[in-house]
Amino acid sequence: PICESLVILEYIDETWNKGVRFLPEDPLARATARFWAK
């Protein structure tokens, strides 16, 4: 089991990582996205 929707979104993005990507590659952009999601 993977719980909490934001955690699940990241898990899906990293597990099925071909094609469309949800989180940006740039570390600052990823951190910014996580901030606004929270």
PDB file of all heavy atoms in Angstrom:
ATOM      1  N   PRO A   1       0.806  -1.224   0.000  1.00  0.00           N
ATOM      2  CA  PRO A   1       0.000   0.000   0.000  1.00  0.00           C
ATOM      3  C   PRO A   1       0.835   1.268   0.000  1.00  0.00           C
ATOM      4  O   PRO A   1       1.885   1.338   0.653  1.00  0.00           O
ATOM      5  CB  PRO A   1      -0.798  -0.111   1.301  1.00  0.00           C
ATOM      6  CG  PRO A   1       0.100  -0.900   2.218  1.00  0.00           C
ATOM      7  CD  PRO A   1       0.858  -1.864   1.325  1.00  0.00           C
ATOM      8  N   ILE A   2       0.377   2.253  -0.763  1.00  0.00           N
ATOM      9  CA  ILE A   2       0.950   3.605  -0.735  1.00  0.00           C
ATOM     10  C   ILE A   2      -0.201   4.539  -0.380  1.00  0.00           C
ATOM     11  O   ILE A   2      -1.250   4.514  -1.031  1.00  0.00           O
ATOM     12  CB  ILE A   2       1.575   4.013  -2.088  1.00  0.00           C
ATOM     13  CG1 ILE A   2       2.658   3.007  -2.503  1.00  0.00           C
ATOM     14  CG2 ILE A   2       2.162   5.411  -2.000  1.00  0.00           C
ATOM     15  CD1 ILE A   2       2.179   1.945  -3.449  1.00  0.00           C
ATOM     16  N   CYS A   3       0.000   5.357   0.653  1.00  0.00           N
ATOM     17  CA  CYS A   3      -1.070   6.211   1.174  1.00  0.00           C
ATOM     18  C   CYS A   3      -0.723   7.687   1.014  1.00  0.00           C
ATOM     19  O   CYS A   3       0.443   8.045   0.840  1.00  0.00           O
ATOM     20  CB  CYS A   3      -1.326   5.904   2.658  1.00  0.00           C
ATOM     21  SG  CYS A   3      -1.700   4.167   2.992  1.00  0.00           S
ATOM     22  N   GLU A   4      -1.741   8.523   1.119  1.00  0.00           N
ATOM     23  CA  GLU A   4      -1.695   9.972   0.978  1.00  0.00           C
ATOM     24  C   GLU A   4      -1.551  10.352  -0.492  1.00  0.00           C
ATOM     25  O   GLU A   4      -0.608   9.956  -1.159  1.00  0.00           O
ATOM     26  CB  GLU A   4      -0.585  10.603   1.822  1.00  0.00           C
ATOM     27  CG  GLU A   4      -0.725  10.315   3.306  1.00  0.00           C
ATOM     28  CD  GLU A   4       0.231  11.153   4.146  1.00  0.00           C
ATOM     29  OE1 GLU A   4       0.766  12.147   3.628  1.00  0.00           O
ATOM     30  OE2 GLU A   4       0.429  10.799   5.303  1.00  0.00           O
ATOM     31  N   SER A   5      -2.485  11.145  -0.968  1.00  0.00           N
ATOM     32  CA  SER A   5      -2.601  11.388  -2.403  1.00  0.00           C
ATOM     33  C   SER A   5      -1.360  12.039  -3.016  1.00  0.00           C
ATOM     34  O   SER A   5      -0.966  11.685  -4.127  1.00  0.00           O
ATOM     35  CB  SER A   5      -3.838  12.234  -2.702  1.00  0.00           C
ATOM     36  OG  SER A   5      -3.773  13.497  -2.077  1.00  0.00           O
ATOM     37  N   LEU A   6      -0.725  12.976  -2.316  1.00  0.00           N
ATOM     38  CA  LEU A   6       0.471  13.613  -2.877  1.00  0.00           C
ATOM     39  C   LEU A   6       1.620  12.619  -2.980  1.00  0.00           C
ATOM     40  O   LEU A   6       2.384  12.637  -3.948  1.00  0.00           O
ATOM     41  CB  LEU A   6       0.885  14.816  -2.028  1.00  0.00           C
ATOM     42  CG  LEU A   6      -0.104  15.980  -1.976  1.00  0.00           C
ATOM     43  CD1 LEU A   6       0.458  17.120  -1.124  1.00  0.00           C
ATOM     44  CD2 LEU A   6      -0.455  16.489  -3.370  1.00  0.00           C
ATOM     45  N   VAL A   7       1.738  11.763  -1.984  1.00  0.00           N
ATOM     46  CA  VAL A   7       2.763  10.717  -2.014  1.00  0.00           C
ATOM     47  C   VAL A   7       2.483   9.745  -3.155  1.00  0.00           C
ATOM     48  O   VAL A   7       3.396   9.342  -3.888  1.00  0.00           O
ATOM     49  CB  VAL A   7       2.807   9.970  -0.665  1.00  0.00           C
ATOM     50  CG1 VAL A   7       3.803   8.805  -0.730  1.00  0.00           C
ATOM     51  CG2 VAL A   7       3.180  10.915   0.464  1.00  0.00           C
ATOM     52  N   ILE A   8       1.213   9.387  -3.321  1.00  0.00           N
ATOM     53  CA  ILE A   8       0.837   8.464  -4.393  1.00  0.00           C
ATOM     54  C   ILE A   8       1.150   9.063  -5.760  1.00  0.00           C
ATOM     55  O   ILE A   8       1.654   8.369  -6.660  1.00  0.00           O
ATOM     56  CB  ILE A   8      -0.656   8.095  -4.294  1.00  0.00           C
ATOM     57  CG1 ILE A   8      -0.938   7.355  -2.984  1.00  0.00           C
ATOM     58  CG2 ILE A   8      -1.073   7.227  -5.481  1.00  0.00           C
ATOM     59  CD1 ILE A   8      -2.426   7.144  -2.698  1.00  0.00           C
ATOM     60  N   LEU A   9       0.855  10.357  -5.946  1.00  0.00           N
ATOM     61  CA  LEU A   9       1.153  11.009  -7.224  1.00  0.00           C
ATOM     62  C   LEU A   9       2.639  10.901  -7.568  1.00  0.00           C
ATOM     63  O   LEU A   9       3.001  10.591  -8.711  1.00  0.00           O
ATOM     64  CB  LEU A   9       0.743  12.480  -7.180  1.00  0.00           C
ATOM     65  CG  LEU A   9      -0.724  12.831  -7.389  1.00  0.00           C
ATOM     66  CD1 LEU A   9      -0.917  14.340  -7.323  1.00  0.00           C
ATOM     67  CD2 LEU A   9      -1.258  12.279  -8.712  1.00  0.00           C
ATOM     68  N   GLU A  10       3.485  11.161  -6.597  1.00  0.00           N
ATOM     69  CA  GLU A  10       4.928  11.068  -6.849  1.00  0.00           C
ATOM     70  C   GLU A  10       5.340   9.634  -7.130  1.00  0.00           C
ATOM     71  O   GLU A  10       6.195   9.370  -7.981  1.00  0.00           O
ATOM     72  CB  GLU A  10       5.709  11.657  -5.675  1.00  0.00           C
ATOM     73  CG  GLU A  10       5.546  13.162  -5.525  1.00  0.00           C
ATOM     74  CD  GLU A  10       6.735  13.811  -4.841  1.00  0.00           C
ATOM     75  OE1 GLU A  10       7.880  13.389  -5.126  1.00  0.00           O
ATOM     76  OE2 GLU A  10       6.524  14.723  -4.026  1.00  0.00           O
ATOM     77  N   TYR A  11       4.736   8.703  -6.409  1.00  0.00           N
ATOM     78  CA  TYR A  11       5.064   7.290  -6.621  1.00  0.00           C
ATOM     79  C   TYR A  11       4.709   6.872  -8.042  1.00  0.00           C
ATOM     80  O   TYR A  11       5.494   6.200  -8.727  1.00  0.00           O
ATOM     81  CB  TYR A  11       4.314   6.423  -5.608  1.00  0.00           C
ATOM     82  CG  TYR A  11       4.573   4.945  -5.775  1.00  0.00           C
ATOM     83  CD1 TYR A  11       5.714   4.357  -5.215  1.00  0.00           C
ATOM     84  CD2 TYR A  11       3.699   4.139  -6.500  1.00  0.00           C
ATOM     85  CE1 TYR A  11       5.965   2.995  -5.378  1.00  0.00           C
ATOM     86  CE2 TYR A  11       3.939   2.788  -6.667  1.00  0.00           C
ATOM     87  CZ  TYR A  11       5.068   2.228  -6.102  1.00  0.00           C
ATOM     88  OH  TYR A  11       5.326   0.881  -6.267  1.00  0.00           O
ATOM     89  N   ILE A  12       3.534   7.262  -8.497  1.00  0.00           N
ATOM     90  CA  ILE A  12       3.107   6.933  -9.860  1.00  0.00           C
ATOM     91  C   ILE A  12       4.058   7.549 -10.877  1.00  0.00           C
ATOM     92  O   ILE A  12       4.462   6.909 -11.857  1.00  0.00           O
ATOM     93  CB  ILE A  12       1.663   7.422 -10.100  1.00  0.00           C
ATOM     94  CG1 ILE A  12       0.675   6.603  -9.263  1.00  0.00           C
ATOM     95  CG2 ILE A  12       1.294   7.340 -11.584  1.00  0.00           C
ATOM     96  CD1 ILE A  12      -0.742   7.154  -9.269  1.00  0.00           C
ATOM     97  N   ASP A  13       4.439   8.793 -10.647  1.00  0.00           N
ATOM     98  CA  ASP A  13       5.320   9.502 -11.580  1.00  0.00           C
ATOM     99  C   ASP A  13       6.678   8.831 -11.692  1.00  0.00           C
ATOM    100  O   ASP A  13       7.262   8.740 -12.772  1.00  0.00           O
ATOM    101  CB  ASP A  13       5.476  10.951 -11.132  1.00  0.00           C
ATOM    102  CG  ASP A  13       5.984  11.856 -12.241  1.00  0.00           C
ATOM    103  OD1 ASP A  13       5.707  11.561 -13.424  1.00  0.00           O
ATOM    104  OD2 ASP A  13       6.648  12.860 -11.935  1.00  0.00           O
ATOM    105  N   GLU A  14       7.183   8.330 -10.578  1.00  0.00           N
ATOM    106  CA  GLU A  14       8.513   7.725 -10.567  1.00  0.00           C
ATOM    107  C   GLU A  14       8.488   6.258 -10.987  1.00  0.00           C
ATOM    108  O   GLU A  14       9.475   5.751 -11.547  1.00  0.00           O
ATOM    109  CB  GLU A  14       9.129   7.864  -9.174  1.00  0.00           C
ATOM    110  CG  GLU A  14       9.421   9.312  -8.792  1.00  0.00           C
ATOM    111  CD  GLU A  14       9.853   9.469  -7.352  1.00  0.00           C
ATOM    112  OE1 GLU A  14       9.985   8.438  -6.650  1.00  0.00           O
ATOM    113  OE2 GLU A  14      10.060  10.614  -6.921  1.00  0.00           O
ATOM    114  N   THR A  15       7.384   5.569 -10.731  1.00  0.00           N
ATOM    115  CA  THR A  15       7.301   4.150 -11.060  1.00  0.00           C
ATOM    116  C   THR A  15       7.016   3.930 -12.536  1.00  0.00           C
ATOM    117  O   THR A  15       7.628   3.074 -13.187  1.00  0.00           O
ATOM    118  CB  THR A  15       6.209   3.466 -10.208  1.00  0.00           C
ATOM    119  OG1 THR A  15       6.512   3.648  -8.826  1.00  0.00           O
ATOM    120  CG2 THR A  15       6.130   1.972 -10.508  1.00  0.00           C
ATOM    121  N   TRP A  16       6.084   4.720 -13.075  1.00  0.00           N
ATOM    122  CA  TRP A  16       5.759   4.641 -14.493  1.00  0.00           C
ATOM    123  C   TRP A  16       6.290   5.918 -15.141  1.00  0.00           C
ATOM    124  O   TRP A  16       5.543   6.868 -15.415  1.00  0.00           O
ATOM    125  CB  TRP A  16       4.252   4.511 -14.674  1.00  0.00           C
ATOM    126  CG  TRP A  16       3.742   3.189 -14.159  1.00  0.00           C
ATOM    127  CD1 TRP A  16       3.757   1.987 -14.811  1.00  0.00           C
ATOM    128  CD2 TRP A  16       3.155   2.936 -12.871  1.00  0.00           C
ATOM    129  NE1 TRP A  16       3.217   1.009 -14.014  1.00  0.00           N
ATOM    130  CE2 TRP A  16       2.839   1.551 -12.819  1.00  0.00           C
ATOM    131  CE3 TRP A  16       2.860   3.733 -11.755  1.00  0.00           C
ATOM    132  CZ2 TRP A  16       2.252   0.957 -11.707  1.00  0.00           C
ATOM    133  CZ3 TRP A  16       2.286   3.140 -10.646  1.00  0.00           C
ATOM    134  CH2 TRP A  16       1.977   1.767 -10.620  1.00  0.00           C
ATOM    135  N   ASN A  17       7.615   5.957 -15.335  1.00  0.00           N
ATOM    136  CA  ASN A  17       8.281   7.218 -15.661  1.00  0.00           C
ATOM    137  C   ASN A  17       8.510   7.441 -17.152  1.00  0.00           C
ATOM    138  O   ASN A  17       9.271   8.336 -17.536  1.00  0.00           O
ATOM    139  CB  ASN A  17       9.610   7.330 -14.908  1.00  0.00           C
ATOM    140  CG  ASN A  17      10.559   6.172 -15.229  1.00  0.00           C
ATOM    141  OD1 ASN A  17      10.304   5.389 -16.131  1.00  0.00           O
ATOM    142  ND2 ASN A  17      11.637   6.069 -14.474  1.00  0.00           N
ATOM    143  N   LYS A  18       7.876   6.647 -17.999  1.00  0.00           N
ATOM    144  CA  LYS A  18       7.996   6.880 -19.436  1.00  0.00           C
ATOM    145  C   LYS A  18       6.840   7.761 -19.909  1.00  0.00           C
ATOM    146  O   LYS A  18       5.739   7.693 -19.387  1.00  0.00           O
ATOM    147  CB  LYS A  18       7.996   5.549 -20.193  1.00  0.00           C
ATOM    148  CG  LYS A  18       9.222   4.683 -19.915  1.00  0.00           C
ATOM    149  CD  LYS A  18       9.186   3.405 -20.725  1.00  0.00           C
ATOM    150  CE  LYS A  18      10.420   2.551 -20.441  1.00  0.00           C
ATOM    151  NZ  LYS A  18      10.412   1.277 -21.216  1.00  0.00           N
ATOM    152  N   GLY A  19       7.110   8.555 -20.912  1.00  0.00           N
ATOM    153  CA  GLY A  19       6.056   9.407 -21.463  1.00  0.00           C
ATOM    154  C   GLY A  19       5.838  10.643 -20.617  1.00  0.00           C
ATOM    155  O   GLY A  19       6.776  11.304 -20.170  1.00  0.00           O
ATOM    156  N   VAL A  20       4.568  10.968 -20.346  1.00  0.00           N
ATOM    157  CA  VAL A  20       4.227  12.174 -19.603  1.00  0.00           C
ATOM    158  C   VAL A  20       4.819  12.121 -18.201  1.00  0.00           C
ATOM    159  O   VAL A  20       4.754  11.106 -17.513  1.00  0.00           O
ATOM    160  CB  VAL A  20       2.697  12.356 -19.540  1.00  0.00           C
ATOM    161  CG1 VAL A  20       2.014  11.175 -18.870  1.00  0.00           C
ATOM    162  CG2 VAL A  20       2.335  13.653 -18.834  1.00  0.00           C
ATOM    163  N   ARG A  21       5.450  13.229 -17.782  1.00  0.00           N
ATOM    164  CA  ARG A  21       5.989  13.339 -16.425  1.00  0.00           C
ATOM    165  C   ARG A  21       5.244  14.445 -15.697  1.00  0.00           C
ATOM    166  O   ARG A  21       4.933  15.487 -16.263  1.00  0.00           O
ATOM    167  CB  ARG A  21       7.486  13.660 -16.439  1.00  0.00           C
ATOM    168  CG  ARG A  21       8.372  12.553 -17.002  1.00  0.00           C
ATOM    169  CD  ARG A  21       8.221  11.243 -16.242  1.00  0.00           C
ATOM    170  NE  ARG A  21       8.495  11.383 -14.825  1.00  0.00           N
ATOM    171  CZ  ARG A  21       9.702  11.172 -14.262  1.00  0.00           C
ATOM    172  NH1 ARG A  21      10.733  10.844 -15.021  1.00  0.00           N
ATOM    173  NH2 ARG A  21       9.864  11.291 -12.959  1.00  0.00           N
ATOM    174  N   PHE A  22       4.972  14.222 -14.424  1.00  0.00           N
ATOM    175  CA  PHE A  22       4.209  15.185 -13.636  1.00  0.00           C
ATOM    176  C   PHE A  22       5.103  16.231 -12.966  1.00  0.00           C
ATOM    177  O   PHE A  22       4.839  17.422 -13.036  1.00  0.00           O
ATOM    178  CB  PHE A  22       3.383  14.459 -12.579  1.00  0.00           C
ATOM    179  CG  PHE A  22       2.438  13.430 -13.134  1.00  0.00           C
ATOM    180  CD1 PHE A  22       2.159  12.278 -12.432  1.00  0.00           C
ATOM    181  CD2 PHE A  22       1.824  13.617 -14.371  1.00  0.00           C
ATOM    182  CE1 PHE A  22       1.283  11.318 -12.933  1.00  0.00           C
ATOM    183  CE2 PHE A  22       0.953  12.671 -14.890  1.00  0.00           C
ATOM    184  CZ  PHE A  22       0.685  11.515 -14.166  1.00  0.00           C
ATOM    185  N   LEU A  23       6.142  15.772 -12.304  1.00  0.00           N
ATOM    186  CA  LEU A  23       7.044  16.696 -11.608  1.00  0.00           C
ATOM    187  C   LEU A  23       8.194  17.097 -12.523  1.00  0.00           C
ATOM    188  O   LEU A  23       8.703  16.282 -13.291  1.00  0.00           O
ATOM    189  CB  LEU A  23       7.592  16.055 -10.344  1.00  0.00           C
ATOM    190  CG  LEU A  23       6.673  16.115  -9.118  1.00  0.00           C
ATOM    191  CD1 LEU A  23       7.119  15.108  -8.068  1.00  0.00           C
ATOM    192  CD2 LEU A  23       6.633  17.512  -8.523  1.00  0.00           C
ATOM    193  N   PRO A  24       8.633  18.355 -12.432  1.00  0.00           N
ATOM    194  CA  PRO A  24       9.767  18.800 -13.255  1.00  0.00           C
ATOM    195  C   PRO A  24      11.075  18.178 -12.792  1.00  0.00           C
ATOM    196  O   PRO A  24      11.197  17.709 -11.659  1.00  0.00           O
ATOM    197  CB  PRO A  24       9.772  20.320 -13.048  1.00  0.00           C
ATOM    198  CG  PRO A  24       9.112  20.527 -11.724  1.00  0.00           C
ATOM    199  CD  PRO A  24       8.088  19.440 -11.590  1.00  0.00           C
ATOM    200  N   GLU A  25      12.058  18.154 -13.676  1.00  0.00           N
ATOM    201  CA  GLU A  25      13.376  17.592 -13.348  1.00  0.00           C
ATOM    202  C   GLU A  25      14.191  18.522 -12.464  1.00  0.00           C
ATOM    203  O   GLU A  25      14.947  18.079 -11.607  1.00  0.00           O
ATOM    204  CB  GLU A  25      14.149  17.298 -14.634  1.00  0.00           C
ATOM    205  CG  GLU A  25      13.533  16.202 -15.496  1.00  0.00           C
ATOM    206  CD  GLU A  25      13.589  14.837 -14.822  1.00  0.00           C
ATOM    207  OE1 GLU A  25      14.489  14.622 -13.995  1.00  0.00           O
ATOM    208  OE2 GLU A  25      12.723  13.996 -15.119  1.00  0.00           O
ATOM    209  N   ASP A  26      14.032  19.827 -12.659  1.00  0.00           N
ATOM    210  CA  ASP A  26      14.820  20.806 -11.909  1.00  0.00           C
ATOM    211  C   ASP A  26      14.487  20.743 -10.418  1.00  0.00           C
ATOM    212  O   ASP A  26      13.303  20.810 -10.036  1.00  0.00           O
ATOM    213  CB  ASP A  26      14.529  22.211 -12.431  1.00  0.00           C
ATOM    214  CG  ASP A  26      15.260  23.283 -11.645  1.00  0.00           C
ATOM    215  OD1 ASP A  26      16.489  23.351 -11.752  1.00  0.00           O
ATOM    216  OD2 ASP A  26      14.580  24.030 -10.907  1.00  0.00           O
ATOM    217  N   PRO A  27      15.487  20.614  -9.535  1.00  0.00           N
ATOM    218  CA  PRO A  27      15.229  20.470  -8.101  1.00  0.00           C
ATOM    219  C   PRO A  27      14.452  21.643  -7.499  1.00  0.00           C
ATOM    220  O   PRO A  27      13.581  21.438  -6.648  1.00  0.00           O
ATOM    221  CB  PRO A  27      16.634  20.373  -7.492  1.00  0.00           C
ATOM    222  CG  PRO A  27      17.490  19.859  -8.592  1.00  0.00           C
ATOM    223  CD  PRO A  27      16.918  20.455  -9.846  1.00  0.00           C
ATOM    224  N   LEU A  28      14.765  22.866  -7.932  1.00  0.00           N
ATOM    225  CA  LEU A  28      14.062  24.030  -7.401  1.00  0.00           C
ATOM    226  C   LEU A  28      12.605  24.020  -7.837  1.00  0.00           C
ATOM    227  O   LEU A  28      11.701  24.298  -7.036  1.00  0.00           O
ATOM    228  CB  LEU A  28      14.741  25.319  -7.861  1.00  0.00           C
ATOM    229  CG  LEU A  28      14.067  26.629  -7.400  1.00  0.00           C
ATOM    230  CD1 LEU A  28      13.970  26.678  -5.883  1.00  0.00           C
ATOM    231  CD2 LEU A  28      14.832  27.834  -7.937  1.00  0.00           C
ATOM    232  N   ALA A  29      12.372  23.692  -9.096  1.00  0.00           N
ATOM    233  CA  ALA A  29      10.997  23.625  -9.599  1.00  0.00           C
ATOM    234  C   ALA A  29      10.204  22.526  -8.889  1.00  0.00           C
ATOM    235  O   ALA A  29       9.018  22.689  -8.585  1.00  0.00           O
ATOM    236  CB  ALA A  29      11.004  23.396 -11.110  1.00  0.00           C
ATOM    237  N   ARG A  30      10.861  21.401  -8.595  1.00  0.00           N
ATOM    238  CA  ARG A  30      10.193  20.319  -7.868  1.00  0.00           C
ATOM    239  C   ARG A  30       9.842  20.757  -6.450  1.00  0.00           C
ATOM    240  O   ARG A  30       8.735  20.488  -5.955  1.00  0.00           O
ATOM    241  CB  ARG A  30      11.103  19.086  -7.815  1.00  0.00           C
ATOM    242  CG  ARG A  30      11.278  18.396  -9.143  1.00  0.00           C
ATOM    243  CD  ARG A  30      12.385  17.352  -9.086  1.00  0.00           C
ATOM    244  NE  ARG A  30      11.962  16.163  -8.366  1.00  0.00           N
ATOM    245  CZ  ARG A  30      11.385  15.108  -8.935  1.00  0.00           C
ATOM    246  NH1 ARG A  30      11.147  15.110 -10.237  1.00  0.00           N
ATOM    247  NH2 ARG A  30      11.050  14.056  -8.220  1.00  0.00           N
ATOM    248  N   ALA A  31      10.769  21.434  -5.802  1.00  0.00           N
ATOM    249  CA  ALA A  31      10.517  21.918  -4.443  1.00  0.00           C
ATOM    250  C   ALA A  31       9.374  22.929  -4.435  1.00  0.00           C
ATOM    251  O   ALA A  31       8.520  22.916  -3.539  1.00  0.00           O
ATOM    252  CB  ALA A  31      11.782  22.539  -3.862  1.00  0.00           C
ATOM    253  N   THR A  32       9.343  23.792  -5.436  1.00  0.00           N
ATOM    254  CA  THR A  32       8.281  24.791  -5.538  1.00  0.00           C
ATOM    255  C   THR A  32       6.931  24.117  -5.737  1.00  0.00           C
ATOM    256  O   THR A  32       5.923  24.510  -5.127  1.00  0.00           O
ATOM    257  CB  THR A  32       8.569  25.759  -6.697  1.00  0.00           C
ATOM    258  OG1 THR A  32       9.817  26.416  -6.465  1.00  0.00           O
ATOM    259  CG2 THR A  32       7.473  26.810  -6.819  1.00  0.00           C
ATOM    260  N   ALA A  33       6.899  23.110  -6.593  1.00  0.00           N
ATOM    261  CA  ALA A  33       5.656  22.376  -6.836  1.00  0.00           C
ATOM    262  C   ALA A  33       5.172  21.709  -5.553  1.00  0.00           C
ATOM    263  O   ALA A  33       3.967  21.741  -5.239  1.00  0.00           O
ATOM    264  CB  ALA A  33       5.863  21.338  -7.933  1.00  0.00           C
ATOM    265  N   ARG A  34       6.073  21.117  -4.801  1.00  0.00           N
ATOM    266  CA  ARG A  34       5.687  20.461  -3.542  1.00  0.00           C
ATOM    267  C   ARG A  34       5.163  21.488  -2.540  1.00  0.00           C
ATOM    268  O   ARG A  34       4.220  21.204  -1.787  1.00  0.00           O
ATOM    269  CB  ARG A  34       6.888  19.710  -2.961  1.00  0.00           C
ATOM    270  CG  ARG A  34       7.283  18.468  -3.758  1.00  0.00           C
ATOM    271  CD  ARG A  34       8.455  17.770  -3.112  1.00  0.00           C
ATOM    272  NE  ARG A  34       8.791  16.541  -3.823  1.00  0.00           N
ATOM    273  CZ  ARG A  34       9.979  16.288  -4.357  1.00  0.00           C
ATOM    274  NH1 ARG A  34      10.949  17.195  -4.263  1.00  0.00           N
ATOM    275  NH2 ARG A  34      10.209  15.141  -4.967  1.00  0.00           N
ATOM    276  N   PHE A  35       5.756  22.664  -2.502  1.00  0.00           N
ATOM    277  CA  PHE A  35       5.296  23.719  -1.597  1.00  0.00           C
ATOM    278  C   PHE A  35       3.849  24.090  -1.902  1.00  0.00           C
ATOM    279  O   PHE A  35       3.002  24.158  -1.002  1.00  0.00           O
ATOM    280  CB  PHE A  35       6.194  24.951  -1.725  1.00  0.00           C
ATOM    281  CG  PHE A  35       5.637  26.159  -1.012  1.00  0.00           C
ATOM    282  CD1 PHE A  35       5.877  26.353   0.326  1.00  0.00           C
ATOM    283  CD2 PHE A  35       4.851  27.090  -1.700  1.00  0.00           C
ATOM    284  CE1 PHE A  35       5.346  27.457   0.994  1.00  0.00           C
ATOM    285  CE2 PHE A  35       4.321  28.198  -1.041  1.00  0.00           C
ATOM    286  CZ  PHE A  35       4.573  28.380   0.310  1.00  0.00           C
ATOM    287  N   TRP A  36       3.552  24.346  -3.189  1.00  0.00           N
ATOM    288  CA  TRP A  36       2.206  24.768  -3.550  1.00  0.00           C
ATOM    289  C   TRP A  36       1.195  23.634  -3.386  1.00  0.00           C
ATOM    290  O   TRP A  36       0.025  23.877  -3.058  1.00  0.00           O
ATOM    291  CB  TRP A  36       2.189  25.322  -4.974  1.00  0.00           C
ATOM    292  CG  TRP A  36       2.745  26.708  -5.034  1.00  0.00           C
ATOM    293  CD1 TRP A  36       4.003  27.073  -5.422  1.00  0.00           C
ATOM    294  CD2 TRP A  36       2.065  27.911  -4.665  1.00  0.00           C
ATOM    295  NE1 TRP A  36       4.150  28.440  -5.316  1.00  0.00           N
ATOM    296  CE2 TRP A  36       2.984  28.980  -4.859  1.00  0.00           C
ATOM    297  CE3 TRP A  36       0.793  28.199  -4.202  1.00  0.00           C
ATOM    298  CZ2 TRP A  36       2.648  30.304  -4.596  1.00  0.00           C
ATOM    299  CZ3 TRP A  36       0.446  29.522  -3.935  1.00  0.00           C
ATOM    300  CH2 TRP A  36       1.371  30.551  -4.134  1.00  0.00           C
ATOM    301  N   ALA A  37       1.633  22.417  -3.589  1.00  0.00           N
ATOM    302  CA  ALA A  37       0.742  21.276  -3.367  1.00  0.00           C
ATOM    303  C   ALA A  37       0.354  21.189  -1.892  1.00  0.00           C
ATOM    304  O   ALA A  37      -0.819  20.969  -1.552  1.00  0.00           O
ATOM    305  CB  ALA A  37       1.420  19.983  -3.812  1.00  0.00           C
ATOM    306  N   LYS A  38       1.318  21.377  -1.031  1.00  0.00           N
ATOM    307  CA  LYS A  38       1.045  21.359   0.411  1.00  0.00           C
ATOM    308  C   LYS A  38       0.133  22.531   0.788  1.00  0.00           C
ATOM    309  O   LYS A  38      -0.782  22.381   1.619  1.00  0.00           O
ATOM    310  CB  LYS A  38       2.354  21.436   1.188  1.00  0.00           C
ATOM    311  CG  LYS A  38       2.196  21.259   2.688  1.00  0.00           C
ATOM    312  CD  LYS A  38       3.554  21.234   3.386  1.00  0.00           C
ATOM    313  CE  LYS A  38       3.382  21.034   4.886  1.00  0.00           C
ATOM    314  NZ  LYS A  38       4.692  21.023   5.587  1.00  0.00           N
TER     315      LYS A  38
END
